[in-house]
Amino acid sequence: MKFVKIATYVLLAILVLLQYPLWFGSGGVVAVWRLNREIAAQEQENAQLKDRNQALEADVNDLKQGLAAIEERARTELGMVKKGEVFFQVIEQPRDKIPPADKKPKP
């Protein structure tokens, strides 16, 4: 009877020792779960970078092919104006300095 208990404990210990690398070893389940999460994050980042690269490629093609894209960039980024055009600059007041509509300043 004592031999059966000892054999049971020995077999249980062997089972635990064999299961440890499966769960916690370098190629274990925990490592695979971690790698799967890292792969998903990398794929998402790659998709975002691919979209950005396609947008940049489209901009480059526009700049190579036509003057409209160059003109648009000159207007928006450099503030350039064509001959004969009038430039208006609207400066908005910060919201905290605008008086409420129902309380107009007294003259």
C-alpha atoms as a PDB file:
ATOM      1  CA  MET A   1       0.000   0.000   0.000  1.00  0.00           C
ATOM      2  CA  LYS A   2       2.846   2.345   0.863  1.00  0.00           C
ATOM      3  CA  PHE A   3       4.503   1.506  -2.471  1.00  0.00           C
ATOM      4  CA  VAL A   4       1.367   2.623  -4.369  1.00  0.00           C
ATOM      5  CA  LYS A   5       1.344   6.020  -2.613  1.00  0.00           C
ATOM      6  CA  ILE A   6       5.026   6.559  -3.333  1.00  0.00           C
ATOM      7  CA  ALA A   7       4.577   5.496  -6.969  1.00  0.00           C
ATOM      8  CA  THR A   8       1.612   7.881  -7.301  1.00  0.00           C
ATOM      9  CA  TYR A   9       3.636  10.825  -5.943  1.00  0.00           C
ATOM     10  CA  VAL A  10       6.599   9.979  -8.149  1.00  0.00           C
ATOM     11  CA  LEU A  11       4.396   9.790 -11.257  1.00  0.00           C
ATOM     12  CA  LEU A  12       2.658  13.042 -10.292  1.00  0.00           C
ATOM     13  CA  ALA A  13       6.047  14.757  -9.877  1.00  0.00           C
ATOM     14  CA  ILE A  14       7.174  13.457 -13.273  1.00  0.00           C
ATOM     15  CA  LEU A  15       3.948  14.745 -14.834  1.00  0.00           C
ATOM     16  CA  VAL A  16       4.491  18.201 -13.311  1.00  0.00           C
ATOM     17  CA  LEU A  17       8.111  18.261 -14.471  1.00  0.00           C
ATOM     18  CA  LEU A  18       7.050  17.322 -18.000  1.00  0.00           C
ATOM     19  CA  GLN A  19       4.282  19.954 -18.067  1.00  0.00           C
ATOM     20  CA  TYR A  20       6.481  22.840 -16.895  1.00  0.00           C
ATOM     21  CA  PRO A  21       8.388  23.308 -20.201  1.00  0.00           C
ATOM     22  CA  LEU A  22       5.120  22.995 -22.115  1.00  0.00           C
ATOM     23  CA  TRP A  23       3.597  25.944 -20.272  1.00  0.00           C
ATOM     24  CA  PHE A  24       6.542  28.099 -19.207  1.00  0.00           C
ATOM     25  CA  GLY A  25       9.483  27.069 -21.410  1.00  0.00           C
ATOM     26  CA  SER A  26      10.918  29.055 -24.307  1.00  0.00           C
ATOM     27  CA  GLY A  27       8.514  27.421 -26.772  1.00  0.00           C
ATOM     28  CA  GLY A  28       5.691  27.063 -24.275  1.00  0.00           C
ATOM     29  CA  VAL A  29       2.113  28.213 -24.388  1.00  0.00           C
ATOM     30  CA  VAL A  30       2.822  31.464 -22.519  1.00  0.00           C
ATOM     31  CA  ALA A  31       5.594  32.371 -24.975  1.00  0.00           C
ATOM     32  CA  VAL A  32       3.328  31.604 -27.935  1.00  0.00           C
ATOM     33  CA  TRP A  33       0.559  33.819 -26.513  1.00  0.00           C
ATOM     34  CA  ARG A  34       3.051  36.657 -26.031  1.00  0.00           C
ATOM     35  CA  LEU A  35       4.401  36.255 -29.564  1.00  0.00           C
ATOM     36  CA  ASN A  36       0.883  36.235 -31.025  1.00  0.00           C
ATOM     37  CA  ARG A  37       0.130  39.549 -29.278  1.00  0.00           C
ATOM     38  CA  GLU A  38       3.381  41.039 -30.572  1.00  0.00           C
ATOM     39  CA  ILE A  39       2.629  39.815 -34.099  1.00  0.00           C
ATOM     40  CA  ALA A  40      -0.835  41.391 -34.010  1.00  0.00           C
ATOM     41  CA  ALA A  41       0.602  44.711 -32.806  1.00  0.00           C
ATOM     42  CA  GLN A  42       3.293  44.644 -35.499  1.00  0.00           C
ATOM     43  CA  GLU A  43       0.742  43.836 -38.227  1.00  0.00           C
ATOM     44  CA  GLN A  44      -1.382  46.790 -37.103  1.00  0.00           C
ATOM     45  CA  GLU A  45       1.629  49.106 -37.159  1.00  0.00           C
ATOM     46  CA  ASN A  46       2.611  47.786 -40.598  1.00  0.00           C
ATOM     47  CA  ALA A  47      -0.889  48.482 -41.926  1.00  0.00           C
ATOM     48  CA  GLN A  48      -0.723  52.079 -40.631  1.00  0.00           C
ATOM     49  CA  LEU A  49       2.708  52.579 -42.172  1.00  0.00           C
ATOM     50  CA  LYS A  50       1.506  51.101 -45.459  1.00  0.00           C
ATOM     51  CA  ASP A  51      -1.387  53.587 -45.555  1.00  0.00           C
ATOM     52  CA  ARG A  52       0.995  56.452 -44.789  1.00  0.00           C
ATOM     53  CA  ASN A  53       3.385  55.307 -47.520  1.00  0.00           C
ATOM     54  CA  GLN A  54       0.561  55.121 -50.063  1.00  0.00           C
ATOM     55  CA  ALA A  55      -0.507  58.675 -49.164  1.00  0.00           C
ATOM     56  CA  LEU A  56       3.067  59.914 -49.517  1.00  0.00           C
ATOM     57  CA  GLU A  57       3.435  58.112 -52.841  1.00  0.00           C
ATOM     58  CA  ALA A  58       0.250  59.761 -54.098  1.00  0.00           C
ATOM     59  CA  ASP A  59       1.605  63.170 -53.037  1.00  0.00           C
ATOM     60  CA  VAL A  60       4.884  62.522 -54.849  1.00  0.00           C
ATOM     61  CA  ASN A  61       3.044  61.481 -58.018  1.00  0.00           C
ATOM     62  CA  ASP A  62       0.858  64.604 -57.836  1.00  0.00           C
ATOM     63  CA  LEU A  63       3.905  66.820 -57.446  1.00  0.00           C
ATOM     64  CA  LYS A  64       5.676  65.126 -60.352  1.00  0.00           C
ATOM     65  CA  GLN A  65       2.729  65.278 -62.748  1.00  0.00           C
ATOM     66  CA  GLY A  66       0.989  68.587 -62.325  1.00  0.00           C
ATOM     67  CA  LEU A  67       1.333  72.171 -61.305  1.00  0.00           C
ATOM     68  CA  ALA A  68      -1.947  72.160 -59.356  1.00  0.00           C
ATOM     69  CA  ALA A  69      -0.425  70.234 -56.464  1.00  0.00           C
ATOM     70  CA  ILE A  70       2.619  72.517 -56.403  1.00  0.00           C
ATOM     71  CA  GLU A  71       0.385  75.581 -56.418  1.00  0.00           C
ATOM     72  CA  GLU A  72      -1.737  74.164 -53.605  1.00  0.00           C
ATOM     73  CA  ARG A  73       1.345  73.502 -51.461  1.00  0.00           C
ATOM     74  CA  ALA A  74       2.694  76.988 -52.171  1.00  0.00           C
ATOM     75  CA  ARG A  75      -0.594  78.543 -51.085  1.00  0.00           C
ATOM     76  CA  THR A  76      -1.189  76.487 -47.935  1.00  0.00           C
ATOM     77  CA  GLU A  77       2.328  75.994 -46.608  1.00  0.00           C
ATOM     78  CA  LEU A  78       4.085  79.137 -47.826  1.00  0.00           C
ATOM     79  CA  GLY A  79       1.145  81.575 -47.938  1.00  0.00           C
ATOM     80  CA  MET A  80       1.821  82.579 -51.550  1.00  0.00           C
ATOM     81  CA  VAL A  81      -0.712  84.603 -53.520  1.00  0.00           C
ATOM     82  CA  LYS A  82      -1.167  84.977 -57.290  1.00  0.00           C
ATOM     83  CA  LYS A  83      -0.937  88.322 -59.043  1.00  0.00           C
ATOM     84  CA  GLY A  84      -4.235  90.136 -58.899  1.00  0.00           C
ATOM     85  CA  GLU A  85      -5.529  88.225 -55.873  1.00  0.00           C
ATOM     86  CA  VAL A  86      -6.351  89.864 -52.576  1.00  0.00           C
ATOM     87  CA  PHE A  87      -5.233  88.140 -49.393  1.00  0.00           C
ATOM     88  CA  PHE A  88      -7.470  88.322 -46.326  1.00  0.00           C
ATOM     89  CA  GLN A  89      -6.301  87.056 -42.978  1.00  0.00           C
ATOM     90  CA  VAL A  90      -8.975  86.428 -40.345  1.00  0.00           C
ATOM     91  CA  ILE A  91      -7.725  86.352 -36.778  1.00  0.00           C
ATOM     92  CA  GLU A  92     -10.158  84.860 -34.319  1.00  0.00           C
ATOM     93  CA  GLN A  93     -10.265  85.937 -30.705  1.00  0.00           C
ATOM     94  CA  PRO A  94      -9.858  83.249 -28.079  1.00  0.00           C
ATOM     95  CA  ARG A  95     -13.239  82.088 -26.759  1.00  0.00           C
ATOM     96  CA  ASP A  96     -12.549  83.268 -23.229  1.00  0.00           C
ATOM     97  CA  LYS A  97     -12.182  86.904 -24.431  1.00  0.00           C
ATOM     98  CA  ILE A  98     -15.389  87.026 -26.499  1.00  0.00           C
ATOM     99  CA  PRO A  99     -18.211  88.670 -24.506  1.00  0.00           C
ATOM    100  CA  PRO A 100     -21.473  86.668 -24.300  1.00  0.00           C
ATOM    101  CA  ALA A 101     -24.153  87.667 -26.840  1.00  0.00           C
ATOM    102  CA  ASP A 102     -26.646  88.780 -24.167  1.00  0.00           C
ATOM    103  CA  LYS A 103     -24.061  90.965 -22.377  1.00  0.00           C
ATOM    104  CA  LYS A 104     -22.868  93.533 -24.856  1.00  0.00           C
ATOM    105  CA  PRO A 105     -20.314  96.088 -23.689  1.00  0.00           C
ATOM    106  CA  LYS A 106     -21.819  99.420 -22.667  1.00  0.00           C
ATOM    107  CA  PRO A 107     -20.810 102.456 -24.749  1.00  0.00           C
END
